Protein backbone atom coordinates (compact mmCIF):
# COMPACT_ATOMS: atom_id res chain seq x y z
CA GLU A 1 29.74 -8.23 32.46
CA ILE A 2 26.68 -8.64 30.31
CA HIS A 3 25.90 -11.41 27.67
CA LEU A 4 23.58 -10.17 24.90
CA GLU A 5 22.84 -10.23 21.21
CA LEU A 6 22.09 -7.15 19.03
CA CYS A 7 20.36 -7.45 15.66
CA VAL A 8 18.33 -5.25 13.41
CA PRO A 9 14.89 -6.81 12.87
CA GLU A 10 14.00 -7.64 9.42
CA GLN A 11 11.50 -5.14 8.14
CA SER A 12 8.29 -6.76 7.11
CA HIS A 13 6.97 -5.72 3.65
CA PRO A 14 3.34 -4.95 2.94
CA ARG A 15 1.53 -7.86 1.35
CA VAL A 16 -1.62 -7.37 -0.62
CA LEU A 17 -3.67 -10.21 -2.11
CA ARG A 18 -5.19 -8.87 -5.37
CA CYS A 19 -8.07 -10.55 -6.93
CA HIS A 20 -9.08 -9.31 -10.57
CA LEU A 21 -12.68 -10.52 -11.23
CA ILE A 22 -13.01 -10.18 -14.97
CA GLU A 23 -15.97 -12.12 -16.21
CA ALA A 24 -18.09 -15.29 -15.97
CA ARG A 25 -19.85 -17.50 -18.56
CA ASP A 26 -22.70 -19.93 -18.69
CA LEU A 27 -23.98 -19.11 -15.20
CA ALA A 28 -27.06 -21.03 -14.20
CA PRO A 29 -30.36 -19.19 -14.77
CA ARG A 30 -32.04 -18.28 -11.54
CA ASP A 31 -34.73 -15.74 -12.61
CA PRO A 32 -37.95 -16.38 -14.56
CA SER A 33 -36.37 -14.56 -17.53
CA GLY A 34 -34.00 -17.32 -17.88
CA THR A 35 -31.00 -15.14 -16.79
CA SER A 36 -29.62 -14.04 -13.52
CA ASP A 37 -28.42 -10.80 -11.78
CA PRO A 38 -24.85 -12.09 -10.82
CA PHE A 39 -22.25 -10.54 -8.41
CA ALA A 40 -19.25 -12.00 -7.07
CA ARG A 41 -18.39 -12.12 -3.33
CA VAL A 42 -14.65 -12.63 -2.31
CA SER A 43 -13.67 -13.68 1.33
CA CYS A 44 -10.32 -14.01 2.89
CA CYS A 45 -9.03 -14.14 6.56
CA GLY A 46 -12.46 -12.91 7.77
CA HIS A 47 -12.84 -10.01 5.28
CA THR A 48 -15.38 -9.93 2.52
CA LEU A 49 -15.62 -7.73 -0.61
CA GLU A 50 -18.24 -7.72 -3.37
CA THR A 51 -18.29 -6.69 -6.93
CA ALA A 52 -21.24 -4.75 -8.54
CA VAL A 53 -24.29 -6.47 -9.71
CA ILE A 54 -24.64 -7.07 -13.35
CA LYS A 55 -28.41 -7.38 -14.33
CA LYS A 56 -30.01 -9.95 -16.52
CA THR A 57 -27.17 -11.87 -17.95
CA ARG A 58 -25.59 -15.30 -17.66
CA PHE A 59 -22.27 -13.85 -19.09
CA PRO A 60 -21.40 -10.91 -16.66
CA HIS A 61 -18.36 -8.74 -17.18
CA TRP A 62 -17.08 -7.15 -14.00
CA ASP A 63 -13.50 -6.16 -14.61
CA GLU A 64 -13.10 -5.30 -10.89
CA VAL A 65 -9.99 -5.57 -8.67
CA LEU A 66 -10.58 -6.43 -5.01
CA GLU A 67 -7.75 -6.32 -2.60
CA PHE A 68 -7.03 -7.75 0.86
CA GLU A 69 -4.11 -6.57 3.01
CA LEU A 70 -2.52 -9.59 4.66
CA ARG A 71 -1.06 -9.09 8.15
CA GLU A 72 2.18 -10.49 9.16
CA GLY A 73 1.90 -14.12 10.06
CA GLU A 74 -1.37 -14.60 8.35
CA PRO A 75 -2.21 -18.25 8.53
CA GLY A 76 -0.91 -20.08 5.45
CA GLU A 77 -3.83 -22.61 5.69
CA ALA A 78 -6.28 -19.75 5.00
CA VAL A 79 -8.39 -19.73 1.83
CA LEU A 80 -9.45 -17.13 -0.68
CA SER A 81 -12.97 -17.95 -1.54
CA VAL A 82 -14.75 -16.62 -4.62
CA GLU A 83 -18.55 -17.03 -4.73
CA VAL A 84 -20.96 -15.99 -7.45
CA TRP A 85 -24.38 -15.15 -6.30
CA ASP A 86 -27.62 -14.11 -8.08
CA TRP A 87 -28.96 -10.86 -6.54
CA ASP A 88 -32.67 -10.80 -5.76
CA ILE A 89 -34.62 -7.67 -4.61
CA VAL A 90 -37.02 -9.71 -2.72
CA GLY A 91 -35.84 -12.80 -0.58
CA LYS A 92 -32.46 -14.31 -0.35
CA ASN A 93 -29.73 -14.26 -3.03
CA ASP A 94 -29.38 -17.49 -4.93
CA PHE A 95 -26.01 -19.28 -4.99
CA LEU A 96 -24.50 -19.76 -8.46
CA GLY A 97 -21.13 -21.29 -7.67
CA ARG A 98 -17.66 -20.97 -6.02
CA VAL A 99 -13.97 -21.22 -6.49
CA GLU A 100 -11.29 -21.49 -3.73
CA PHE A 101 -7.57 -20.88 -3.66
CA PRO A 102 -5.53 -21.86 -0.55
CA LEU A 103 -3.22 -19.00 0.34
CA GLY A 104 -0.20 -21.26 0.30
CA THR A 105 -0.72 -21.89 -3.51
CA ILE A 106 -0.75 -18.22 -4.38
CA SER A 107 2.54 -16.42 -5.21
CA ARG A 108 3.75 -13.37 -6.83
CA ASP A 109 3.26 -15.01 -10.31
CA PRO A 110 -0.40 -14.53 -11.10
CA THR A 111 -2.87 -17.33 -11.00
CA LYS A 112 -5.06 -16.74 -13.92
CA GLY A 113 -7.46 -18.21 -16.39
CA TRP A 114 -11.01 -19.71 -16.46
CA PHE A 115 -12.11 -21.86 -13.47
CA GLN A 116 -14.95 -24.03 -13.34
CA LEU A 117 -17.51 -23.07 -10.68
CA LEU A 118 -18.28 -25.69 -7.99
CA PRO A 119 -21.22 -26.21 -5.81
CA PHE A 120 -21.29 -25.98 -2.03
CA PRO A 121 -19.34 -28.74 -0.36
CA SER A 122 -22.43 -30.01 1.27
CA THR A 123 -24.23 -30.37 -2.02
CA THR A 124 -24.45 -34.06 -3.06
CA GLU A 125 -25.89 -33.27 -6.59
CA ASP A 126 -23.31 -33.75 -9.40
CA HIS A 127 -23.55 -30.65 -11.57
CA ARG A 128 -20.83 -31.84 -14.01
CA GLY A 129 -19.91 -28.28 -15.16
CA GLN A 130 -23.37 -27.01 -15.38
CA LEU A 131 -22.64 -24.07 -13.16
CA GLY A 132 -20.40 -22.29 -15.63
CA ALA A 133 -16.99 -20.76 -15.21
CA LEU A 134 -15.25 -17.72 -13.82
CA ARG A 135 -12.39 -15.85 -15.29
CA LEU A 136 -10.04 -14.09 -12.78
CA THR A 137 -6.50 -13.49 -11.85
CA VAL A 138 -5.09 -13.84 -8.33
CA ARG A 139 -1.79 -12.73 -7.19
CA LEU A 140 0.15 -11.82 -4.17
CA VAL A 141 1.67 -8.38 -4.23
CA GLU A 142 4.69 -7.70 -2.03
CA ASP A 143 6.27 -4.17 -2.04
CA THR A 144 9.89 -3.95 -1.09
CA VAL A 145 10.56 -0.57 0.48
CA LEU A 146 14.14 0.55 0.50
CA PRO A 147 15.70 3.16 2.75
CA PRO A 148 14.87 6.64 1.59
CA HIS A 149 18.35 7.49 0.27
CA HIS A 150 18.10 4.87 -2.44
CA TYR A 151 15.34 6.93 -4.19
CA GLN A 152 16.99 10.35 -4.13
CA PRO A 153 18.62 10.12 -7.65
CA LEU A 154 15.25 9.21 -9.12
CA ILE A 155 13.31 11.83 -7.19
CA GLN A 156 15.99 14.48 -8.34
CA LEU A 157 15.69 13.37 -11.86
CA LEU A 158 11.86 13.59 -11.82
CA THR A 159 11.65 16.91 -10.00
CA GLU A 160 14.13 18.67 -11.94
CA PRO A 161 11.87 20.01 -14.60
CA VAL A 162 9.59 21.71 -12.09
CA LEU A 163 12.51 23.11 -10.21
CA CYS A 164 14.69 24.34 -13.18
CA LEU A 165 12.29 26.10 -15.31
CA ASP A 166 14.98 27.57 -17.59
CA LYS A 167 15.87 24.21 -19.01
CA PRO A 168 14.17 22.91 -22.18
CA ARG A 169 10.99 21.03 -21.29
CA ASP A 170 11.04 18.40 -24.19
CA SER A 171 14.02 16.51 -23.05
CA THR A 172 13.30 16.02 -19.33
CA ALA A 173 12.54 12.68 -17.62
CA LEU A 174 8.97 13.82 -17.20
CA ALA A 175 8.59 14.66 -20.82
CA ILE A 176 10.00 11.29 -21.90
CA LEU A 177 7.83 9.40 -19.37
CA GLU A 178 4.79 11.06 -20.77
CA GLU A 179 5.77 10.02 -24.30
CA VAL A 180 6.39 6.49 -23.44
CA THR A 181 3.51 5.92 -21.05
CA SER A 182 0.70 3.81 -22.79
CA GLY A 183 -2.95 4.22 -21.96
CA GLU A 184 -3.22 1.12 -19.97
CA SER A 185 -0.31 2.12 -17.50
CA ARG A 186 -1.06 5.95 -17.55
CA GLN A 187 -3.43 5.67 -14.39
CA ASP A 188 -0.67 3.78 -12.44
CA VAL A 189 2.05 6.10 -13.56
CA ALA A 190 -0.04 9.21 -12.54
CA THR A 191 -0.84 7.78 -9.15
CA LYS A 192 2.90 7.18 -8.30
CA LEU A 193 3.95 10.59 -9.71
CA VAL A 194 1.33 12.39 -7.61
CA LYS A 195 2.50 10.55 -4.37
CA ILE A 196 6.30 11.30 -5.12
CA PHE A 197 5.47 15.01 -5.82
CA LEU A 198 3.27 15.46 -2.76
CA GLY A 199 5.93 13.94 -0.71
CA GLN A 200 8.30 16.59 -2.00
CA GLY A 201 5.73 19.46 -1.64
CA LEU A 202 5.73 19.82 -5.42
CA ALA A 203 2.47 18.40 -6.48
CA VAL A 204 1.15 21.88 -7.81
CA PRO A 205 4.25 22.51 -9.86
CA LEU A 206 4.04 19.08 -11.27
CA LEU A 207 0.36 19.68 -12.48
CA ASP A 208 1.37 23.09 -13.85
CA TYR A 209 4.19 21.44 -15.89
CA LEU A 210 2.05 18.68 -17.30
CA THR A 211 -0.91 20.87 -18.09
CA THR A 212 1.25 23.48 -19.72
CA ARG A 213 2.70 20.83 -22.03
CA GLU A 214 -0.75 19.72 -22.81
CA LEU A 215 -2.05 23.17 -23.52
CA ALA A 216 0.78 23.87 -25.88
CA ARG A 217 -0.27 20.72 -27.87
CA THR A 218 -3.88 21.83 -27.96
CA THR A 219 -5.16 23.91 -30.85
CA ASP A 220 -8.88 23.51 -30.46
CA PRO A 221 -10.09 24.59 -26.81
CA ASN A 222 -13.19 22.29 -27.10
CA THR A 223 -10.86 19.32 -26.75
CA LEU A 224 -8.80 20.58 -23.92
CA PHE A 225 -8.12 17.91 -21.12
CA ARG A 226 -10.86 15.64 -22.70
CA SER A 227 -8.37 12.65 -23.34
CA ASN A 228 -6.91 10.57 -20.60
CA SER A 229 -3.55 12.12 -20.85
CA LEU A 230 -0.91 12.04 -18.21
CA ALA A 231 -1.89 15.63 -17.21
CA SER A 232 -5.73 14.69 -16.86
CA LYS A 233 -4.85 11.47 -14.97
CA SER A 234 -2.40 13.29 -12.69
CA MET A 235 -5.02 15.95 -11.87
CA GLU A 236 -7.57 13.18 -11.14
CA GLN A 237 -5.26 11.44 -8.66
CA PHE A 238 -4.22 14.70 -7.03
CA LEU A 239 -7.82 15.64 -6.43
CA LYS A 240 -8.30 12.19 -4.85
CA ALA A 241 -5.24 12.46 -2.66
CA VAL A 242 -5.91 15.86 -1.22
CA GLY A 243 -9.66 16.29 -1.60
CA LEU A 244 -11.12 12.95 -0.43
CA PRO A 245 -12.10 14.24 3.10
CA TYR A 246 -13.66 17.27 1.53
CA LEU A 247 -15.53 15.00 -1.01
CA HIS A 248 -16.93 13.00 1.88
CA GLU A 249 -18.16 15.95 3.75
CA VAL A 250 -19.98 17.32 0.65
CA LEU A 251 -21.44 14.10 -0.72
CA LYS A 252 -21.98 11.58 1.95
CA PRO A 253 -25.15 12.81 3.44
CA VAL A 254 -26.89 12.86 0.03
CA VAL A 255 -25.41 9.50 -1.08
CA ASN A 256 -26.41 7.85 2.15
CA ARG A 257 -29.92 9.00 1.78
CA ILE A 258 -30.21 7.64 -1.74
CA PHE A 259 -28.93 4.35 -0.49
CA GLU A 260 -31.34 4.23 2.36
CA GLU A 261 -34.46 5.40 0.48
CA LYS A 262 -33.96 2.93 -2.48
CA LYS A 263 -36.37 4.87 -4.73
CA TYR A 264 -37.29 3.53 -7.97
CA VAL A 265 -36.12 5.93 -10.73
CA GLU A 266 -36.06 5.33 -14.44
CA LEU A 267 -36.30 7.75 -17.41
CA ASP A 268 -35.84 5.26 -20.33
CA PRO A 269 -39.23 3.68 -21.48
CA SER A 270 -37.61 0.59 -22.67
CA LYS A 271 -36.24 -0.07 -19.14
CA MET A 272 -39.29 0.86 -17.18
CA GLU A 273 -40.77 -1.90 -15.07
CA LEU A 274 -44.26 -0.83 -14.48
CA SER A 275 -45.17 -3.86 -12.46
CA ARG A 276 -42.37 -2.98 -10.00
CA GLY A 277 -43.58 0.43 -9.91
CA ARG A 278 -47.09 -0.89 -9.01
CA ARG A 279 -45.59 -3.06 -6.20
CA ILE A 280 -43.69 -0.33 -4.89
CA SER A 281 -46.39 2.43 -4.97
CA PHE A 282 -49.44 0.25 -3.93
CA LYS A 283 -51.60 2.71 -5.97
CA GLY A 284 -52.28 0.44 -8.92
CA SER A 285 -50.70 0.29 -12.14
CA LEU A 286 -48.46 3.18 -13.33
CA SER A 287 -48.16 4.65 -16.68
CA GLU A 288 -44.73 5.49 -18.34
CA ALA A 289 -45.60 9.16 -18.03
CA GLN A 290 -46.28 8.69 -14.32
CA VAL A 291 -42.98 6.84 -13.78
CA ARG A 292 -40.98 9.32 -15.70
CA ASP A 293 -42.49 12.43 -13.88
CA SER A 294 -41.88 10.73 -10.52
CA SER A 295 -38.41 9.89 -11.48
CA LEU A 296 -37.64 13.36 -12.71
CA GLU A 297 -39.10 14.81 -9.42
CA LEU A 298 -36.82 12.56 -7.50
CA LEU A 299 -33.71 13.24 -9.60
CA LYS A 300 -34.31 16.91 -9.34
CA GLY A 301 -34.54 16.69 -5.62
CA TYR A 302 -31.35 14.69 -5.30
CA LEU A 303 -29.35 16.77 -7.83
CA GLY A 304 -30.57 19.99 -6.13
CA ASP A 305 -29.17 18.78 -2.76
CA ILE A 306 -25.92 17.64 -4.47
CA VAL A 307 -25.40 21.07 -6.17
CA ASP A 308 -26.31 22.90 -2.91
CA ALA A 309 -23.78 20.97 -1.02
CA ILE A 310 -21.02 21.58 -3.63
CA VAL A 311 -21.94 25.33 -3.78
CA GLY A 312 -22.01 25.69 -0.08
CA SER A 313 -18.78 24.09 0.45
CA VAL A 314 -16.52 26.62 -1.21
CA GLU A 315 -14.75 27.77 2.06
CA LYS A 316 -14.17 23.98 2.72
CA CYS A 317 -12.47 23.29 -0.48
CA PRO A 318 -8.80 22.28 0.46
CA LEU A 319 -6.14 25.08 -0.20
CA PRO A 320 -4.02 22.98 -2.45
CA MET A 321 -7.05 22.27 -4.87
CA ARG A 322 -7.68 26.00 -4.98
CA VAL A 323 -4.05 26.82 -5.83
CA ALA A 324 -3.97 24.17 -8.62
CA PHE A 325 -7.10 25.47 -10.08
CA GLN A 326 -5.93 29.07 -9.83
CA GLN A 327 -2.78 28.13 -11.68
CA LEU A 328 -4.74 26.08 -14.28
CA ARG A 329 -6.94 29.04 -14.97
CA ARG A 330 -3.98 31.27 -15.50
CA ARG A 331 -2.40 28.93 -17.99
CA VAL A 332 -5.61 28.45 -20.08
CA GLU A 333 -6.01 32.23 -20.17
CA GLU A 334 -2.62 32.46 -21.43
CA ARG A 335 -2.93 29.93 -24.14
CA PHE A 336 -6.51 31.14 -25.27
CA PRO A 337 -6.49 34.87 -24.62
CA LEU A 338 -9.23 35.84 -27.14
CA ALA A 339 -12.66 36.95 -25.85
CA GLN A 340 -14.48 34.20 -27.78
CA HIS A 341 -12.58 31.76 -25.52
CA GLU A 342 -13.32 33.44 -22.31
CA GLU A 343 -15.43 30.55 -20.99
CA VAL A 344 -12.63 27.97 -21.61
CA ARG A 345 -10.94 28.91 -18.44
CA TYR A 346 -14.01 27.84 -16.36
CA PHE A 347 -14.73 24.75 -18.54
CA SER A 348 -11.30 23.47 -17.86
CA ILE A 349 -11.69 23.63 -14.06
CA SER A 350 -15.35 22.43 -13.95
CA GLY A 351 -14.29 19.52 -16.15
CA PHE A 352 -11.90 18.35 -13.56
CA LEU A 353 -14.12 19.18 -10.59
CA PHE A 354 -17.29 17.89 -11.63
CA LEU A 355 -16.65 15.31 -14.50
CA ARG A 356 -13.61 13.77 -12.99
CA PHE A 357 -14.05 14.26 -9.31
CA PHE A 358 -17.73 14.65 -8.07
CA ALA A 359 -19.42 12.80 -10.87
CA PRO A 360 -17.40 9.66 -10.57
CA ALA A 361 -17.96 9.61 -6.76
CA VAL A 362 -21.65 9.78 -7.13
CA LEU A 363 -21.60 6.88 -9.79
CA THR A 364 -19.39 4.60 -7.74
CA PRO A 365 -19.46 5.63 -4.13
CA LYS A 366 -17.55 2.56 -2.94
CA LEU A 367 -14.46 3.50 -4.96
CA PHE A 368 -14.26 6.74 -3.22
CA GLY A 369 -14.87 5.22 0.19
CA LEU A 370 -18.51 6.81 0.53
CA ARG A 371 -19.93 3.36 0.99
CA GLU A 372 -18.55 0.12 2.14
CA GLN A 373 -20.54 -1.96 -0.60
CA HIS A 374 -21.49 -1.47 -4.07
CA ALA A 375 -24.94 -0.06 -4.77
CA ASP A 376 -27.70 -2.58 -5.63
CA PRO A 377 -28.94 -2.38 -9.25
CA ARG A 378 -31.95 -0.08 -8.53
CA THR A 379 -29.78 2.42 -6.48
CA GLY A 380 -27.06 1.98 -8.99
CA ARG A 381 -29.41 3.14 -11.77
CA THR A 382 -30.43 6.22 -9.67
CA LEU A 383 -26.62 7.06 -9.17
CA LEU A 384 -26.08 6.67 -12.95
CA LEU A 385 -28.80 8.96 -13.91
CA LEU A 386 -27.59 11.63 -11.39
CA ALA A 387 -23.89 11.33 -12.52
CA LYS A 388 -24.90 11.87 -16.09
């Protein structure tokens, strides 16, 4: 005889704390120019994330989403802290203000609006709102995952167009979804579609279906895949999903070197800081021509290393990417078979590979996992010029 109790443990659902840093206004000036170089630092449960630095403004616009994954049993008394700082190239950063949200007060309904920035608790000075305000949205996202069989009807409905090619393509669930998806939600829809079809082993047929539909609507080959259509966004998400390790292997050595060297690079005369160039070079005052020539030499060196790394990585390119590009090339050739459009087949592939895969990763390495933090303004300018 045995006395026991059997039960199925309740499955915990992933919880994510999402903080959308939108903008700030009327920040305190901390630089001699009467402005600041503000960035936001968000901390929760021992983890810290930062936004990019916006230079020379008291009214920064970030529009960045920072997320924290909360573990089961995360202390309810924990606090989400949002601090705004003025970035300085020399010396310590200057504190601009802070806002705090106890985790117990954050729910699935977003907390959003303008929030007055407060000083450090230890500060006795009364600023009376002179620190400015921060506009953000904070919400707790909790995904409920049902057993797999609950999703089978939806998966069958979505995958039917790529499995049953003899059926009309204009009245399928994918076609309707493509028509009703707005620009704002297209990225999210594309991300979820790619995940679903990757799980079914049908990602390449999905891309073929979407790109074929877009090709049928395109009359001018010069505009092919230039818009943020569902086909373009799905290809972007596919490249990220299957090609991220490949991207890291190709770009990370060069990107790390750019971050470590922190070279001053500028081609726009209106943005050149000749005094900064003098401090960096220790060779006296530099002219615009000298700064431009030095910058061009640095950019050519970095760009040459990036191109060499990409060209030399052909054998490392993941097979799913190769298959997808091969299919894309064939579809483009079928749609634009004339000799005068011969280069379109290559432009369509290079547009995705360079403009939507490698270039964005160079521009914002943090978003592709190449770096843990955003670049400082000087390095960010170098990355921007390289990406262009």
